[in-house]
N, C-alpha and C. Protein backbone atom coordinates (compact mmCIF):
# COMPACT_ATOMS: atom_id res chain seq x y z
N MET A 1 101.91 103.16 91.06
CA MET A 1 101.18 102.83 92.27
C MET A 1 100.54 104.10 92.81
N ASP A 2 99.26 104.00 93.16
CA ASP A 2 98.55 105.12 93.78
C ASP A 2 98.79 105.09 95.28
N HIS A 3 98.73 106.25 95.91
CA HIS A 3 98.90 106.36 97.36
C HIS A 3 97.67 107.03 97.96
N LEU A 4 97.22 106.50 99.06
CA LEU A 4 96.15 107.11 99.83
C LEU A 4 96.76 107.65 101.11
N HIS A 5 96.49 108.89 101.42
CA HIS A 5 97.09 109.53 102.59
C HIS A 5 96.07 109.67 103.71
N ALA A 6 96.48 109.32 104.91
CA ALA A 6 95.63 109.44 106.10
C ALA A 6 96.19 110.57 106.96
N TYR A 7 95.99 111.80 106.52
CA TYR A 7 96.59 112.96 107.18
C TYR A 7 96.14 113.11 108.63
N TRP A 8 94.92 112.69 108.93
CA TRP A 8 94.39 112.85 110.28
C TRP A 8 95.16 112.02 111.30
N ARG A 9 95.91 111.01 110.89
CA ARG A 9 96.68 110.18 111.82
C ARG A 9 97.84 110.95 112.45
N MET A 10 98.36 111.98 111.74
CA MET A 10 99.52 112.71 112.24
C MET A 10 99.23 113.38 113.57
N GLU A 11 98.01 113.86 113.76
CA GLU A 11 97.64 114.49 115.03
C GLU A 11 97.82 113.49 116.18
N TYR A 12 97.36 112.25 115.98
CA TYR A 12 97.51 111.22 117.00
C TYR A 12 98.98 110.87 117.21
N VAL A 13 99.72 110.72 116.12
CA VAL A 13 101.13 110.33 116.20
C VAL A 13 101.94 111.35 116.98
N LYS A 14 101.66 112.64 116.77
CA LYS A 14 102.45 113.71 117.39
C LYS A 14 102.03 114.04 118.82
N GLN A 15 100.80 113.70 119.21
CA GLN A 15 100.32 114.11 120.53
C GLN A 15 101.10 113.43 121.65
N GLU A 16 101.32 114.16 122.72
CA GLU A 16 102.00 113.63 123.91
C GLU A 16 101.07 112.63 124.59
N LYS A 17 101.58 111.48 124.91
CA LYS A 17 100.78 110.43 125.54
C LYS A 17 100.89 110.50 127.06
N THR A 18 99.76 110.32 127.74
CA THR A 18 99.76 110.25 129.20
C THR A 18 100.31 108.88 129.60
N PRO A 19 100.71 108.70 130.87
CA PRO A 19 101.18 107.37 131.30
C PRO A 19 100.15 106.27 131.03
N ALA A 20 98.88 106.56 131.26
CA ALA A 20 97.83 105.56 131.01
C ALA A 20 97.74 105.22 129.52
N GLN A 21 97.93 106.21 128.65
CA GLN A 21 97.89 105.96 127.21
C GLN A 21 99.11 105.16 126.76
N ARG A 22 100.23 105.33 127.43
CA ARG A 22 101.44 104.58 127.07
C ARG A 22 101.38 103.15 127.57
N ARG A 23 100.57 102.87 128.60
CA ARG A 23 100.49 101.53 129.21
C ARG A 23 99.03 101.10 129.43
N PRO A 24 98.21 101.10 128.38
CA PRO A 24 96.78 100.83 128.60
C PRO A 24 96.45 99.39 128.98
N PHE A 25 97.35 98.45 128.71
CA PHE A 25 97.02 97.04 128.94
C PHE A 25 97.48 96.51 130.29
N VAL A 26 98.23 97.30 131.04
CA VAL A 26 98.79 96.82 132.31
C VAL A 26 97.71 96.60 133.37
N ASP A 27 96.80 97.54 133.51
CA ASP A 27 95.80 97.46 134.58
C ASP A 27 94.52 96.72 134.19
N LEU A 28 94.26 96.55 132.90
CA LEU A 28 93.01 95.90 132.49
C LEU A 28 92.79 94.53 133.15
N PRO A 29 93.77 93.64 133.14
CA PRO A 29 93.52 92.32 133.74
C PRO A 29 93.31 92.36 135.26
N LYS A 30 93.71 93.44 135.90
CA LYS A 30 93.54 93.57 137.35
C LYS A 30 92.11 93.96 137.72
N MET A 31 91.38 94.49 136.76
CA MET A 31 89.99 94.90 137.00
C MET A 31 89.11 93.66 137.01
N ASP A 32 88.00 93.73 137.73
CA ASP A 32 87.14 92.55 137.85
C ASP A 32 85.89 92.60 136.98
N ASN A 33 85.83 93.53 136.04
CA ASN A 33 84.66 93.62 135.17
C ASN A 33 85.08 93.36 133.72
N ASP A 34 85.08 92.08 133.33
CA ASP A 34 85.53 91.73 131.99
C ASP A 34 84.68 92.36 130.90
N LYS A 35 83.40 92.51 131.15
CA LYS A 35 82.53 93.12 130.13
C LYS A 35 82.93 94.57 129.90
N GLU A 36 83.19 95.30 130.96
CA GLU A 36 83.57 96.71 130.84
C GLU A 36 84.94 96.85 130.17
N THR A 37 85.86 95.98 130.50
CA THR A 37 87.21 96.05 129.93
C THR A 37 87.31 95.36 128.58
N LEU A 38 86.27 94.63 128.20
CA LEU A 38 86.19 93.88 126.94
C LEU A 38 87.13 92.67 126.90
N ILE A 39 87.49 92.16 128.07
CA ILE A 39 88.29 90.93 128.13
C ILE A 39 87.35 89.75 127.91
N LEU A 40 87.68 88.91 126.93
CA LEU A 40 86.85 87.75 126.61
C LEU A 40 87.31 86.48 127.30
N SER A 41 88.61 86.31 127.44
CA SER A 41 89.13 85.07 128.00
C SER A 41 90.45 85.34 128.70
N ARG A 42 90.63 84.70 129.84
CA ARG A 42 91.88 84.82 130.62
C ARG A 42 92.53 83.44 130.66
N GLU A 43 93.73 83.36 130.14
CA GLU A 43 94.50 82.12 130.17
C GLU A 43 95.61 82.27 131.20
N GLU A 44 96.47 81.28 131.34
CA GLU A 44 97.49 81.30 132.39
C GLU A 44 98.47 82.47 132.24
N HIS A 45 98.93 82.74 131.03
CA HIS A 45 99.94 83.78 130.82
C HIS A 45 99.51 84.88 129.85
N SER A 46 98.31 84.76 129.30
CA SER A 46 97.85 85.76 128.33
C SER A 46 96.33 85.86 128.36
N PHE A 47 95.82 86.88 127.68
CA PHE A 47 94.37 87.08 127.65
C PHE A 47 93.91 87.58 126.29
N ILE A 48 92.62 87.38 126.02
CA ILE A 48 92.00 87.84 124.78
C ILE A 48 91.17 89.07 125.10
N LEU A 49 91.41 90.12 124.34
CA LEU A 49 90.76 91.41 124.54
C LEU A 49 90.13 91.87 123.23
N MET A 50 88.90 92.35 123.28
CA MET A 50 88.33 92.97 122.08
C MET A 50 88.99 94.33 121.88
N ASN A 51 89.32 94.63 120.63
CA ASN A 51 89.91 95.92 120.31
C ASN A 51 88.83 97.00 120.40
N ARG A 52 89.07 98.00 121.21
CA ARG A 52 88.11 99.09 121.39
C ARG A 52 88.01 99.97 120.14
N TYR A 53 89.03 99.92 119.29
CA TYR A 53 89.06 100.67 118.03
C TYR A 53 89.33 99.68 116.89
N PRO A 54 88.34 98.83 116.58
CA PRO A 54 88.58 97.71 115.67
C PRO A 54 88.77 98.11 114.21
N TYR A 55 89.61 97.34 113.52
CA TYR A 55 89.76 97.47 112.07
C TYR A 55 88.54 96.88 111.38
N ASN A 56 87.92 95.90 112.04
CA ASN A 56 86.79 95.19 111.48
C ASN A 56 85.99 94.60 112.65
N ALA A 57 84.75 94.24 112.41
CA ALA A 57 83.92 93.62 113.45
C ALA A 57 84.59 92.35 113.95
N GLY A 58 84.72 92.21 115.27
CA GLY A 58 85.32 91.03 115.86
C GLY A 58 86.82 91.10 116.04
N HIS A 59 87.44 92.24 115.78
CA HIS A 59 88.90 92.41 115.90
C HIS A 59 89.32 92.16 117.35
N LEU A 60 90.18 91.16 117.55
CA LEU A 60 90.64 90.78 118.88
C LEU A 60 92.14 91.03 119.04
N LEU A 61 92.55 91.22 120.28
CA LEU A 61 93.97 91.36 120.63
C LEU A 61 94.34 90.25 121.60
N ILE A 62 95.52 89.68 121.42
CA ILE A 62 96.05 88.69 122.35
C ILE A 62 97.23 89.35 123.04
N LEU A 63 97.22 89.35 124.38
CA LEU A 63 98.28 90.02 125.14
C LEU A 63 98.81 89.13 126.24
N PRO A 64 100.13 89.16 126.47
CA PRO A 64 100.66 88.54 127.68
C PRO A 64 100.33 89.45 128.86
N TYR A 65 100.18 88.88 130.04
CA TYR A 65 99.94 89.72 131.22
C TYR A 65 101.15 90.60 131.50
N ARG A 66 102.33 90.05 131.28
CA ARG A 66 103.56 90.78 131.54
C ARG A 66 103.83 91.76 130.40
N GLU A 67 104.18 92.99 130.74
CA GLU A 67 104.47 94.00 129.73
C GLU A 67 105.88 93.78 129.18
N VAL A 68 105.94 93.28 127.94
CA VAL A 68 107.21 93.08 127.24
C VAL A 68 107.04 93.59 125.81
N PRO A 69 108.12 94.11 125.19
CA PRO A 69 107.99 94.69 123.86
C PRO A 69 108.12 93.70 122.70
N ASP A 70 108.67 92.50 122.93
CA ASP A 70 108.99 91.62 121.81
C ASP A 70 108.76 90.16 122.18
N LEU A 71 108.53 89.34 121.18
CA LEU A 71 108.33 87.90 121.39
C LEU A 71 109.49 87.26 122.14
N GLU A 72 110.70 87.68 121.83
CA GLU A 72 111.87 87.06 122.46
C GLU A 72 111.97 87.35 123.95
N ASP A 73 111.18 88.30 124.44
CA ASP A 73 111.17 88.63 125.86
C ASP A 73 110.24 87.72 126.67
N LEU A 74 109.45 86.91 125.98
CA LEU A 74 108.55 85.98 126.66
C LEU A 74 109.31 84.72 127.08
N SER A 75 108.92 84.15 128.20
CA SER A 75 109.46 82.85 128.59
C SER A 75 108.87 81.80 127.64
N ASP A 76 109.42 80.59 127.65
CA ASP A 76 108.88 79.53 126.80
C ASP A 76 107.41 79.26 127.14
N GLU A 77 107.07 79.26 128.43
CA GLU A 77 105.69 79.02 128.84
C GLU A 77 104.77 80.15 128.36
N GLU A 78 105.23 81.38 128.48
CA GLU A 78 104.43 82.52 128.03
C GLU A 78 104.24 82.49 126.52
N LEU A 79 105.29 82.15 125.79
CA LEU A 79 105.21 82.10 124.33
C LEU A 79 104.24 81.02 123.87
N LEU A 80 104.30 79.86 124.50
CA LEU A 80 103.37 78.78 124.16
C LEU A 80 101.93 79.20 124.46
N CYS A 81 101.71 79.81 125.60
CA CYS A 81 100.36 80.27 125.97
C CYS A 81 99.88 81.36 125.00
N PHE A 82 100.75 82.29 124.65
CA PHE A 82 100.44 83.37 123.71
C PHE A 82 100.00 82.78 122.37
N THR A 83 100.73 81.77 121.89
CA THR A 83 100.41 81.13 120.62
C THR A 83 99.09 80.36 120.71
N LYS A 84 98.90 79.60 121.78
CA LYS A 84 97.65 78.85 121.94
C LYS A 84 96.46 79.78 122.13
N THR A 85 96.66 80.90 122.79
CA THR A 85 95.58 81.87 122.99
C THR A 85 95.21 82.52 121.66
N THR A 86 96.20 82.76 120.81
CA THR A 86 95.93 83.29 119.47
C THR A 86 95.08 82.30 118.68
N LEU A 87 95.44 81.02 118.74
CA LEU A 87 94.67 79.99 118.05
C LEU A 87 93.24 79.91 118.60
N LYS A 88 93.10 80.02 119.91
CA LYS A 88 91.77 80.01 120.52
C LYS A 88 90.94 81.19 120.01
N ALA A 89 91.54 82.37 119.92
CA ALA A 89 90.83 83.55 119.42
C ALA A 89 90.39 83.37 117.97
N LYS A 90 91.29 82.84 117.15
CA LYS A 90 90.96 82.60 115.74
C LYS A 90 89.82 81.60 115.62
N ASN A 91 89.89 80.50 116.39
CA ASN A 91 88.83 79.48 116.34
C ASN A 91 87.51 80.02 116.86
N LEU A 92 87.56 80.86 117.88
CA LEU A 92 86.35 81.50 118.40
C LEU A 92 85.69 82.34 117.32
N LEU A 93 86.48 83.18 116.65
CA LEU A 93 85.92 84.03 115.59
C LEU A 93 85.39 83.21 114.43
N ALA A 94 86.06 82.11 114.10
CA ALA A 94 85.60 81.25 113.01
C ALA A 94 84.22 80.68 113.33
N LYS A 95 84.03 80.20 114.57
CA LYS A 95 82.74 79.64 114.97
C LYS A 95 81.66 80.70 115.13
N ALA A 96 82.03 81.84 115.72
CA ALA A 96 81.03 82.86 116.05
C ALA A 96 80.62 83.71 114.86
N LEU A 97 81.56 83.99 113.95
CA LEU A 97 81.29 84.97 112.90
C LEU A 97 81.39 84.42 111.48
N ASN A 98 81.95 83.22 111.33
CA ASN A 98 82.08 82.58 110.03
C ASN A 98 82.72 83.49 108.96
N PRO A 99 83.90 84.05 109.24
CA PRO A 99 84.55 84.90 108.24
C PRO A 99 85.15 84.06 107.11
N ASN A 100 85.51 84.74 106.01
CA ASN A 100 86.15 84.08 104.88
C ASN A 100 87.66 83.96 105.04
N GLY A 101 88.23 84.67 106.01
CA GLY A 101 89.67 84.63 106.23
C GLY A 101 90.04 85.44 107.45
N PHE A 102 91.34 85.56 107.70
CA PHE A 102 91.84 86.29 108.87
C PHE A 102 93.12 87.04 108.52
N ASN A 103 93.32 88.16 109.18
CA ASN A 103 94.63 88.80 109.26
C ASN A 103 95.08 88.57 110.70
N ILE A 104 96.26 87.97 110.86
CA ILE A 104 96.83 87.74 112.18
C ILE A 104 98.25 88.29 112.15
N GLY A 105 98.56 89.20 113.07
CA GLY A 105 99.90 89.75 113.04
C GLY A 105 100.26 90.63 114.21
N ILE A 106 101.56 90.92 114.28
CA ILE A 106 102.15 91.72 115.36
C ILE A 106 102.93 92.87 114.73
N ASN A 107 102.71 94.07 115.22
CA ASN A 107 103.51 95.23 114.82
C ASN A 107 104.56 95.44 115.91
N LEU A 108 105.82 95.16 115.61
CA LEU A 108 106.90 95.30 116.58
C LEU A 108 107.58 96.65 116.40
N GLY A 109 107.42 97.53 117.38
CA GLY A 109 108.03 98.85 117.35
C GLY A 109 107.13 99.90 116.74
N GLU A 110 107.33 101.15 117.15
CA GLU A 110 106.52 102.27 116.64
C GLU A 110 106.61 102.39 115.13
N ALA A 111 107.81 102.23 114.57
CA ALA A 111 107.99 102.37 113.13
C ALA A 111 107.18 101.35 112.34
N ALA A 112 106.90 100.22 112.96
CA ALA A 112 106.10 99.17 112.32
C ALA A 112 104.61 99.37 112.53
N GLY A 113 104.23 100.41 113.28
CA GLY A 113 102.82 100.70 113.49
C GLY A 113 102.28 100.32 114.85
N ALA A 114 103.13 99.88 115.76
CA ALA A 114 102.66 99.51 117.10
C ALA A 114 102.18 100.75 117.85
N GLY A 115 100.91 100.77 118.20
CA GLY A 115 100.36 101.89 118.97
C GLY A 115 100.79 101.86 120.43
N VAL A 116 101.09 100.67 120.93
CA VAL A 116 101.56 100.48 122.30
C VAL A 116 102.82 99.61 122.20
N PRO A 117 103.95 100.21 121.81
CA PRO A 117 105.15 99.42 121.49
C PRO A 117 105.78 98.68 122.66
N LYS A 118 105.49 99.08 123.90
CA LYS A 118 106.13 98.42 125.05
C LYS A 118 105.36 97.19 125.54
N HIS A 119 104.14 96.98 125.00
CA HIS A 119 103.36 95.82 125.42
C HIS A 119 102.99 95.01 124.18
N LEU A 120 103.72 93.93 123.98
CA LEU A 120 103.49 93.02 122.87
C LEU A 120 102.01 92.65 122.78
N HIS A 121 101.46 92.70 121.58
CA HIS A 121 100.11 92.22 121.38
C HIS A 121 99.94 91.76 119.94
N GLN A 122 99.12 90.75 119.76
CA GLN A 122 98.86 90.20 118.44
C GLN A 122 97.42 90.51 118.05
N HIS A 123 97.25 90.94 116.80
CA HIS A 123 95.93 91.23 116.25
C HIS A 123 95.38 89.99 115.56
N VAL A 124 94.11 89.71 115.79
CA VAL A 124 93.39 88.67 115.07
C VAL A 124 92.15 89.36 114.50
N VAL A 125 92.14 89.54 113.18
CA VAL A 125 91.09 90.31 112.52
C VAL A 125 90.35 89.42 111.53
N PRO A 126 89.05 89.16 111.77
CA PRO A 126 88.28 88.38 110.81
C PRO A 126 88.04 89.20 109.55
N ARG A 127 88.04 88.52 108.40
CA ARG A 127 87.84 89.21 107.12
C ARG A 127 86.76 88.49 106.31
N TRP A 128 86.01 89.26 105.56
CA TRP A 128 85.00 88.75 104.66
C TRP A 128 85.27 89.28 103.27
N SER A 129 84.95 88.50 102.27
CA SER A 129 85.13 88.96 100.90
C SER A 129 84.36 90.25 100.70
N GLY A 130 85.03 91.28 100.19
CA GLY A 130 84.38 92.56 99.93
C GLY A 130 84.14 93.42 101.16
N ASP A 131 84.85 93.16 102.27
CA ASP A 131 84.59 93.91 103.51
C ASP A 131 85.27 95.27 103.57
N THR A 132 86.09 95.61 102.61
CA THR A 132 86.75 96.92 102.64
C THR A 132 86.11 97.85 101.61
N ASN A 133 86.15 99.13 101.93
CA ASN A 133 85.64 100.15 101.01
C ASN A 133 86.33 101.46 101.33
N PHE A 134 85.86 102.55 100.76
CA PHE A 134 86.53 103.83 100.95
C PHE A 134 85.98 104.65 102.12
N MET A 135 85.03 104.12 102.89
CA MET A 135 84.51 104.87 104.04
C MET A 135 85.61 105.29 105.02
N PRO A 136 86.52 104.38 105.41
CA PRO A 136 87.55 104.78 106.36
C PRO A 136 88.48 105.86 105.81
N VAL A 137 88.72 105.85 104.51
CA VAL A 137 89.65 106.80 103.90
C VAL A 137 88.97 108.14 103.64
N LEU A 138 87.84 108.12 102.96
CA LEU A 138 87.18 109.36 102.57
C LEU A 138 86.36 109.98 103.69
N GLY A 139 85.75 109.16 104.51
CA GLY A 139 84.88 109.68 105.56
C GLY A 139 85.45 109.59 106.95
N SER A 140 86.68 109.12 107.08
CA SER A 140 87.30 108.91 108.40
C SER A 140 86.36 108.10 109.31
N THR A 141 85.66 107.14 108.70
CA THR A 141 84.62 106.39 109.41
C THR A 141 84.73 104.90 109.12
N ARG A 142 84.64 104.09 110.14
CA ARG A 142 84.56 102.65 109.96
C ARG A 142 83.11 102.24 110.20
N VAL A 143 82.60 101.41 109.32
CA VAL A 143 81.24 100.92 109.45
C VAL A 143 81.30 99.53 110.09
N LEU A 144 80.80 99.42 111.31
CA LEU A 144 80.78 98.15 112.03
C LEU A 144 79.32 97.75 112.24
N PRO A 145 78.97 96.50 111.91
CA PRO A 145 77.57 96.10 111.93
C PRO A 145 76.98 95.85 113.31
N GLN A 146 77.81 95.89 114.36
CA GLN A 146 77.33 95.54 115.70
C GLN A 146 78.13 96.33 116.74
N SER A 147 77.48 96.71 117.83
CA SER A 147 78.18 97.44 118.89
C SER A 147 79.21 96.53 119.55
N LEU A 148 80.21 97.13 120.19
CA LEU A 148 81.22 96.35 120.91
C LEU A 148 80.57 95.50 122.00
N GLU A 149 79.60 96.08 122.70
CA GLU A 149 78.93 95.36 123.79
C GLU A 149 78.18 94.14 123.27
N ALA A 150 77.45 94.32 122.17
CA ALA A 150 76.70 93.20 121.59
C ALA A 150 77.65 92.13 121.06
N MET A 151 78.76 92.55 120.45
CA MET A 151 79.75 91.60 119.95
C MET A 151 80.38 90.84 121.12
N TRP A 152 80.69 91.54 122.23
CA TRP A 152 81.27 90.88 123.41
C TRP A 152 80.32 89.80 123.91
N GLU A 153 79.03 90.13 124.02
CA GLU A 153 78.03 89.16 124.49
C GLU A 153 77.99 87.93 123.58
N HIS A 154 77.99 88.17 122.27
CA HIS A 154 77.93 87.06 121.31
C HIS A 154 79.17 86.17 121.42
N LEU A 155 80.35 86.79 121.43
CA LEU A 155 81.59 86.01 121.51
C LEU A 155 81.69 85.26 122.84
N LYS A 156 81.28 85.90 123.92
CA LYS A 156 81.32 85.26 125.25
C LYS A 156 80.40 84.03 125.27
N GLU A 157 79.24 84.15 124.64
CA GLU A 157 78.29 83.03 124.58
C GLU A 157 78.89 81.85 123.82
N VAL A 158 79.53 82.14 122.68
CA VAL A 158 80.16 81.07 121.90
C VAL A 158 81.33 80.46 122.69
N LEU A 159 82.09 81.28 123.39
CA LEU A 159 83.19 80.77 124.23
C LEU A 159 82.69 79.77 125.25
N LYS A 160 81.59 80.11 125.92
CA LYS A 160 81.03 79.22 126.95
C LYS A 160 80.56 77.89 126.37
N LYS A 161 79.97 77.95 125.17
CA LYS A 161 79.43 76.74 124.55
C LYS A 161 80.51 75.85 123.93
N GLU A 162 81.48 76.48 123.30
CA GLU A 162 82.41 75.73 122.45
C GLU A 162 83.79 75.49 123.03
N PHE A 163 84.21 76.27 124.02
CA PHE A 163 85.62 76.18 124.47
C PHE A 163 85.69 75.89 125.95
């Protein structure tokens, strides 16, 4: 098996995080500018947020409003809303972007790759056949076909029409 090393990640991993960096999702829903915060949809117990550092075009995050580290910390109502909001995000991306598939998942704990381990969040990443290449590895660069702002506008438009 070959291994690809992302040495540049160690700088981020080792750096001391400010309080805002440790809790970036707590204040976002309190702000009243969804376009600026990249919030696409607000549900009763959770919300859909565009990832500011996407793995792929259209990468969304589903978050409960309450800061909890694990699924088992959610109430039954919050868990149901979290699951339904995830499905809404997946269906939105299917209609808006017509991907060939999805990666949907949760990284629980720092060791599992959670960048914000104290605030549970689920990733919904649209995928297309042949969408990966060596740009992120060799050039430390992700190629995204559309700006975050333009993607937000497009997804918001589909949300209004379809959901």
